Amino acid sequence: MKTTVILSCLLIGSSVTLNTNHLFNRANHSLTAKTMSSRRASFKTMPVAPVRIVIDKSSYELYVYDRLGWFATYPVVFGNNSLDDKKMEGDRKTPEGSFKIANKRVHEKWDRYMGLDYPTAESLAKFNMRKRRGEIPASASPGGGVGIHGTWPHDDYVIDNFKNWTNGCISLKNEDVEDLYSYVPVGTPVTIQK
């Protein structure tokens, strides 16, 4: 009888464990984000609006948050290796500040593209201040065309190797940018920080 009770408890306990293994504690994302190739809780779930993106240049990661908290993390790379704030067109630096996704499209070279509304009023104020201080040439322009996109075909390894290669954009692996593109709408707030 004891054997039957113990076996029954083991079977019931293991079935309960099996049934709860699919649950994911979104608050404990650090460990999971490092071990999951998709870096997302589940491809079956979608974020609960509103969605926002935080890009941390120092950790080379793009975080997605929804109404419930953390939703996903993706590895990213940038433009210039210095990781400094963008000062002017052509410096290959990724701008810092608050932006929004202004447009989305399938891209002929980089898989998916989500354009940011750079330069914003905040970006232009920093640009003009730098010009007044003489930090940049008087003839400089702030630039534009900054976005979130994938890599060249078969070049996802640049993300794994933290190889900054863009002209100031944020680059993800193609599989990751396709995932992000699938659920992030135009108008999504994007914060880029160091």
C-alpha atoms as a PDB file:
ATOM      1  CA  MET A   1       0.000   0.000   0.000  1.00  0.00           C
ATOM      2  CA  LYS A   2       2.807   2.388   0.901  1.00  0.00           C
ATOM      3  CA  THR A   3       4.457   1.686  -2.459  1.00  0.00           C
ATOM      4  CA  THR A   4       1.212   2.453  -4.294  1.00  0.00           C
ATOM      5  CA  VAL A   5       0.737   5.721  -2.401  1.00  0.00           C
ATOM      6  CA  ILE A   6       4.350   6.778  -2.996  1.00  0.00           C
ATOM      7  CA  LEU A   7       4.189   5.900  -6.701  1.00  0.00           C
ATOM      8  CA  SER A   8       0.865   7.715  -7.025  1.00  0.00           C
ATOM      9  CA  CYS A   9       2.316  10.804  -5.346  1.00  0.00           C
ATOM     10  CA  LEU A  10       5.365  10.675  -7.605  1.00  0.00           C
ATOM     11  CA  LEU A  11       3.217  10.318 -10.708  1.00  0.00           C
ATOM     12  CA  ILE A  12       0.841  13.078  -9.673  1.00  0.00           C
ATOM     13  CA  GLY A  13       3.730  15.331  -8.654  1.00  0.00           C
ATOM     14  CA  SER A  14       5.556  14.790 -11.929  1.00  0.00           C
ATOM     15  CA  SER A  15       2.442  15.452 -13.957  1.00  0.00           C
ATOM     16  CA  VAL A  16       1.858  18.669 -12.047  1.00  0.00           C
ATOM     17  CA  THR A  17       5.474  19.621 -12.690  1.00  0.00           C
ATOM     18  CA  LEU A  18       5.142  18.777 -16.360  1.00  0.00           C
ATOM     19  CA  ASN A  19       1.999  20.837 -16.642  1.00  0.00           C
ATOM     20  CA  THR A  20       3.638  23.882 -15.058  1.00  0.00           C
ATOM     21  CA  ASN A  21       6.960  23.743 -16.885  1.00  0.00           C
ATOM     22  CA  HIS A  22       5.612  25.906 -19.694  1.00  0.00           C
ATOM     23  CA  LEU A  23       4.949  28.801 -17.306  1.00  0.00           C
ATOM     24  CA  PHE A  24       7.537  31.549 -17.338  1.00  0.00           C
ATOM     25  CA  ASN A  25       8.278  34.069 -14.645  1.00  0.00           C
ATOM     26  CA  ARG A  26       8.736  37.268 -16.658  1.00  0.00           C
ATOM     27  CA  ALA A  27      10.265  39.044 -13.691  1.00  0.00           C
ATOM     28  CA  ASN A  28      13.216  36.615 -13.682  1.00  0.00           C
ATOM     29  CA  HIS A  29      14.250  37.278 -17.275  1.00  0.00           C
ATOM     30  CA  SER A  30      18.009  37.693 -16.828  1.00  0.00           C
ATOM     31  CA  LEU A  31      18.883  34.025 -16.494  1.00  0.00           C
ATOM     32  CA  THR A  32      16.327  32.938 -19.075  1.00  0.00           C
ATOM     33  CA  ALA A  33      17.322  35.599 -21.590  1.00  0.00           C
ATOM     34  CA  LYS A  34      20.899  34.364 -21.520  1.00  0.00           C
ATOM     35  CA  THR A  35      19.907  30.743 -22.186  1.00  0.00           C
ATOM     36  CA  MET A  36      17.086  31.031 -24.727  1.00  0.00           C
ATOM     37  CA  SER A  37      18.111  31.423 -28.338  1.00  0.00           C
ATOM     38  CA  SER A  38      14.960  33.405 -29.069  1.00  0.00           C
ATOM     39  CA  ARG A  39      15.381  35.502 -25.910  1.00  0.00           C
ATOM     40  CA  ARG A  40      11.611  35.677 -25.659  1.00  0.00           C
ATOM     41  CA  ALA A  41       9.332  34.053 -23.121  1.00  0.00           C
ATOM     42  CA  SER A  42       7.353  32.180 -25.745  1.00  0.00           C
ATOM     43  CA  PHE A  43       6.631  32.558 -29.420  1.00  0.00           C
ATOM     44  CA  LYS A  44       3.033  31.653 -28.613  1.00  0.00           C
ATOM     45  CA  THR A  45       2.524  34.781 -26.505  1.00  0.00           C
ATOM     46  CA  MET A  46       2.212  38.313 -27.740  1.00  0.00           C
ATOM     47  CA  PRO A  47       2.918  41.434 -25.703  1.00  0.00           C
ATOM     48  CA  VAL A  48       0.106  43.236 -23.953  1.00  0.00           C
ATOM     49  CA  ALA A  49      -0.132  46.821 -25.245  1.00  0.00           C
ATOM     50  CA  PRO A  50       1.347  49.302 -24.742  1.00  0.00           C
ATOM     51  CA  VAL A  51       4.802  48.130 -25.837  1.00  0.00           C
ATOM     52  CA  ARG A  52       8.055  50.061 -25.405  1.00  0.00           C
ATOM     53  CA  ILE A  53      11.667  49.361 -26.352  1.00  0.00           C
ATOM     54  CA  VAL A  54      14.793  50.180 -24.343  1.00  0.00           C
ATOM     55  CA  ILE A  55      18.150  49.785 -26.090  1.00  0.00           C
ATOM     56  CA  ASP A  56      21.159  49.649 -23.780  1.00  0.00           C
ATOM     57  CA  LYS A  57      24.343  50.364 -25.708  1.00  0.00           C
ATOM     58  CA  SER A  58      26.629  49.318 -22.848  1.00  0.00           C
ATOM     59  CA  SER A  59      25.076  45.838 -22.563  1.00  0.00           C
ATOM     60  CA  TYR A  60      24.486  45.398 -26.331  1.00  0.00           C
ATOM     61  CA  GLU A  61      20.850  44.446 -25.678  1.00  0.00           C
ATOM     62  CA  LEU A  62      17.406  45.549 -26.817  1.00  0.00           C
ATOM     63  CA  TYR A  63      14.698  45.055 -24.197  1.00  0.00           C
ATOM     64  CA  VAL A  64      10.981  44.958 -24.948  1.00  0.00           C
ATOM     65  CA  TYR A  65       8.515  45.812 -22.197  1.00  0.00           C
ATOM     66  CA  ASP A  66       4.752  45.560 -22.289  1.00  0.00           C
ATOM     67  CA  ARG A  67       1.990  46.408 -19.805  1.00  0.00           C
ATOM     68  CA  LEU A  68       2.989  43.390 -17.663  1.00  0.00           C
ATOM     69  CA  GLY A  69       6.718  44.224 -17.539  1.00  0.00           C
ATOM     70  CA  TRP A  70       9.660  42.606 -19.317  1.00  0.00           C
ATOM     71  CA  PHE A  71       8.690  40.734 -22.492  1.00  0.00           C
ATOM     72  CA  ALA A  72      11.841  39.996 -24.530  1.00  0.00           C
ATOM     73  CA  THR A  73      15.563  40.654 -24.871  1.00  0.00           C
ATOM     74  CA  TYR A  74      17.577  40.583 -28.100  1.00  0.00           C
ATOM     75  CA  PRO A  75      21.327  41.016 -28.630  1.00  0.00           C
ATOM     76  CA  VAL A  76      22.215  44.016 -30.816  1.00  0.00           C
ATOM     77  CA  VAL A  77      25.161  45.922 -32.281  1.00  0.00           C
ATOM     78  CA  PHE A  78      25.560  49.536 -33.324  1.00  0.00           C
ATOM     79  CA  GLY A  79      27.655  51.867 -35.464  1.00  0.00           C
ATOM     80  CA  ASN A  80      30.928  53.241 -34.145  1.00  0.00           C
ATOM     81  CA  ASN A  81      32.849  51.189 -31.559  1.00  0.00           C
ATOM     82  CA  SER A  82      33.058  54.155 -29.171  1.00  0.00           C
ATOM     83  CA  LEU A  83      29.309  53.817 -28.371  1.00  0.00           C
ATOM     84  CA  ASP A  84      29.208  57.597 -27.906  1.00  0.00           C
ATOM     85  CA  ASP A  85      26.091  59.624 -28.691  1.00  0.00           C
ATOM     86  CA  LYS A  86      25.592  60.653 -32.318  1.00  0.00           C
ATOM     87  CA  LYS A  87      26.934  64.154 -32.918  1.00  0.00           C
ATOM     88  CA  MET A  88      26.493  64.641 -36.670  1.00  0.00           C
ATOM     89  CA  GLU A  89      25.825  62.915 -39.963  1.00  0.00           C
ATOM     90  CA  GLY A  90      28.589  60.540 -41.009  1.00  0.00           C
ATOM     91  CA  ASP A  91      30.079  59.861 -37.559  1.00  0.00           C
ATOM     92  CA  ARG A  92      28.638  56.297 -37.543  1.00  0.00           C
ATOM     93  CA  LYS A  93      27.428  56.782 -33.963  1.00  0.00           C
ATOM     94  CA  THR A  94      24.064  55.600 -32.670  1.00  0.00           C
ATOM     95  CA  PRO A  95      21.958  58.442 -31.219  1.00  0.00           C
ATOM     96  CA  GLU A  96      20.833  58.422 -27.593  1.00  0.00           C
ATOM     97  CA  GLY A  97      17.501  59.723 -26.388  1.00  0.00           C
ATOM     98  CA  SER A  98      13.773  59.135 -26.780  1.00  0.00           C
ATOM     99  CA  PHE A  99      12.381  58.191 -30.182  1.00  0.00           C
ATOM    100  CA  LYS A 100       9.416  56.455 -31.794  1.00  0.00           C
ATOM    101  CA  ILE A 101       9.171  53.897 -34.563  1.00  0.00           C
ATOM    102  CA  ALA A 102       8.089  56.077 -37.493  1.00  0.00           C
ATOM    103  CA  ASN A 103       7.809  53.423 -40.226  1.00  0.00           C
ATOM    104  CA  LYS A 104       8.248  49.717 -40.918  1.00  0.00           C
ATOM    105  CA  ARG A 105       9.133  47.861 -44.086  1.00  0.00           C
ATOM    106  CA  VAL A 106      10.712  44.734 -45.464  1.00  0.00           C
ATOM    107  CA  HIS A 107      14.257  45.704 -46.417  1.00  0.00           C
ATOM    108  CA  GLU A 108      16.061  44.422 -49.516  1.00  0.00           C
ATOM    109  CA  LYS A 109      19.448  44.199 -47.727  1.00  0.00           C
ATOM    110  CA  TRP A 110      18.786  43.934 -43.998  1.00  0.00           C
ATOM    111  CA  ASP A 111      15.619  41.789 -43.835  1.00  0.00           C
ATOM    112  CA  ARG A 112      13.323  44.111 -41.826  1.00  0.00           C
ATOM    113  CA  TYR A 113      13.631  47.822 -41.092  1.00  0.00           C
ATOM    114  CA  MET A 114      11.903  49.909 -38.423  1.00  0.00           C
ATOM    115  CA  GLY A 115      12.772  53.577 -38.963  1.00  0.00           C
ATOM    116  CA  LEU A 116      13.095  55.909 -35.989  1.00  0.00           C
ATOM    117  CA  ASP A 117      11.930  59.527 -35.957  1.00  0.00           C
ATOM    118  CA  TYR A 118      15.533  60.745 -35.582  1.00  0.00           C
ATOM    119  CA  PRO A 119      16.325  63.625 -35.394  1.00  0.00           C
ATOM    120  CA  THR A 120      13.818  64.637 -32.758  1.00  0.00           C
ATOM    121  CA  ALA A 121      13.566  68.073 -31.121  1.00  0.00           C
ATOM    122  CA  GLU A 122      15.781  66.696 -28.312  1.00  0.00           C
ATOM    123  CA  SER A 123      18.374  65.473 -30.855  1.00  0.00           C
ATOM    124  CA  LEU A 124      18.354  68.801 -32.697  1.00  0.00           C
ATOM    125  CA  ALA A 125      18.817  70.731 -29.438  1.00  0.00           C
ATOM    126  CA  LYS A 126      21.913  68.626 -28.588  1.00  0.00           C
ATOM    127  CA  PHE A 127      23.184  69.039 -32.154  1.00  0.00           C
ATOM    128  CA  ASN A 128      22.771  72.835 -32.101  1.00  0.00           C
ATOM    129  CA  MET A 129      24.425  73.086 -28.669  1.00  0.00           C
ATOM    130  CA  ARG A 130      27.434  71.105 -29.953  1.00  0.00           C
ATOM    131  CA  LYS A 131      27.635  73.402 -32.969  1.00  0.00           C
ATOM    132  CA  ARG A 132      27.615  76.516 -30.745  1.00  0.00           C
ATOM    133  CA  ARG A 133      30.385  75.018 -28.606  1.00  0.00           C
ATOM    134  CA  GLY A 134      32.467  74.281 -31.693  1.00  0.00           C
ATOM    135  CA  GLU A 135      32.435  70.499 -31.074  1.00  0.00           C
ATOM    136  CA  ILE A 136      31.290  69.904 -34.644  1.00  0.00           C
ATOM    137  CA  PRO A 137      31.828  71.862 -37.872  1.00  0.00           C
ATOM    138  CA  ALA A 138      29.476  74.751 -38.636  1.00  0.00           C
ATOM    139  CA  SER A 139      28.587  73.033 -41.921  1.00  0.00           C
ATOM    140  CA  ALA A 140      27.608  69.725 -40.209  1.00  0.00           C
ATOM    141  CA  SER A 141      24.084  68.295 -40.373  1.00  0.00           C
ATOM    142  CA  PRO A 142      22.416  66.031 -37.802  1.00  0.00           C
ATOM    143  CA  GLY A 143      21.814  63.216 -40.285  1.00  0.00           C
ATOM    144  CA  GLY A 144      18.823  60.894 -40.393  1.00  0.00           C
ATOM    145  CA  GLY A 145      17.750  57.468 -41.555  1.00  0.00           C
ATOM    146  CA  VAL A 146      18.448  55.790 -38.208  1.00  0.00           C
ATOM    147  CA  GLY A 147      16.553  52.582 -37.607  1.00  0.00           C
ATOM    148  CA  ILE A 148      16.405  49.070 -36.206  1.00  0.00           C
ATOM    149  CA  HIS A 149      17.198  46.365 -38.758  1.00  0.00           C
ATOM    150  CA  GLY A 150      18.717  42.953 -39.420  1.00  0.00           C
ATOM    151  CA  THR A 151      22.070  42.003 -40.903  1.00  0.00           C
ATOM    152  CA  TRP A 152      23.249  41.138 -44.378  1.00  0.00           C
ATOM    153  CA  PRO A 153      22.138  37.598 -45.322  1.00  0.00           C
ATOM    154  CA  HIS A 154      24.200  34.962 -43.452  1.00  0.00           C
ATOM    155  CA  ASP A 155      25.957  37.628 -41.343  1.00  0.00           C
ATOM    156  CA  ASP A 156      24.227  37.042 -37.985  1.00  0.00           C
ATOM    157  CA  TYR A 157      27.655  36.193 -36.533  1.00  0.00           C
ATOM    158  CA  VAL A 158      28.432  39.935 -36.292  1.00  0.00           C
ATOM    159  CA  ILE A 159      25.818  40.130 -33.523  1.00  0.00           C
ATOM    160  CA  ASP A 160      27.317  37.163 -31.650  1.00  0.00           C
ATOM    161  CA  ASN A 161      30.766  38.769 -31.908  1.00  0.00           C
ATOM    162  CA  PHE A 162      29.553  42.267 -30.868  1.00  0.00           C
ATOM    163  CA  LYS A 163      30.959  43.676 -34.113  1.00  0.00           C
ATOM    164  CA  ASN A 164      29.605  47.198 -34.573  1.00  0.00           C
ATOM    165  CA  TRP A 165      29.153  47.649 -38.316  1.00  0.00           C
ATOM    166  CA  THR A 166      26.255  50.013 -39.039  1.00  0.00           C
ATOM    167  CA  ASN A 167      26.293  53.705 -39.905  1.00  0.00           C
ATOM    168  CA  GLY A 168      24.483  54.480 -36.646  1.00  0.00           C
ATOM    169  CA  CYS A 169      21.541  52.068 -36.750  1.00  0.00           C
ATOM    170  CA  ILE A 170      20.738  49.237 -34.349  1.00  0.00           C
ATOM    171  CA  SER A 171      21.241  45.783 -35.866  1.00  0.00           C
ATOM    172  CA  LEU A 172      19.743  42.468 -34.710  1.00  0.00           C
ATOM    173  CA  LYS A 173      20.013  38.920 -36.011  1.00  0.00           C
ATOM    174  CA  ASN A 174      17.560  38.441 -38.871  1.00  0.00           C
ATOM    175  CA  GLU A 175      15.453  35.910 -36.954  1.00  0.00           C
ATOM    176  CA  ASP A 176      15.228  38.340 -34.033  1.00  0.00           C
ATOM    177  CA  VAL A 177      14.361  41.377 -36.157  1.00  0.00           C
ATOM    178  CA  GLU A 178      11.604  39.367 -37.860  1.00  0.00           C
ATOM    179  CA  ASP A 179      10.205  38.450 -34.448  1.00  0.00           C
ATOM    180  CA  LEU A 180      10.356  42.045 -33.176  1.00  0.00           C
ATOM    181  CA  TYR A 181       8.871  43.364 -36.429  1.00  0.00           C
ATOM    182  CA  SER A 182       5.921  40.968 -36.077  1.00  0.00           C
ATOM    183  CA  TYR A 183       4.567  42.539 -32.897  1.00  0.00           C
ATOM    184  CA  VAL A 184       5.958  46.090 -32.573  1.00  0.00           C
ATOM    185  CA  PRO A 185       3.651  48.708 -34.110  1.00  0.00           C
ATOM    186  CA  VAL A 186       4.520  52.065 -35.650  1.00  0.00           C
ATOM    187  CA  GLY A 187       4.506  54.640 -32.861  1.00  0.00           C
ATOM    188  CA  THR A 188       6.247  52.369 -30.331  1.00  0.00           C
ATOM    189  CA  PRO A 189       8.458  54.433 -27.970  1.00  0.00           C
ATOM    190  CA  VAL A 190      12.179  53.628 -28.187  1.00  0.00           C
ATOM    191  CA  THR A 191      14.727  54.782 -25.603  1.00  0.00           C
ATOM    192  CA  ILE A 192      18.415  54.470 -26.517  1.00  0.00           C
ATOM    193  CA  GLN A 193      20.829  54.834 -23.605  1.00  0.00           C
ATOM    194  CA  LYS A 194      24.389  54.038 -22.614  1.00  0.00           C
END
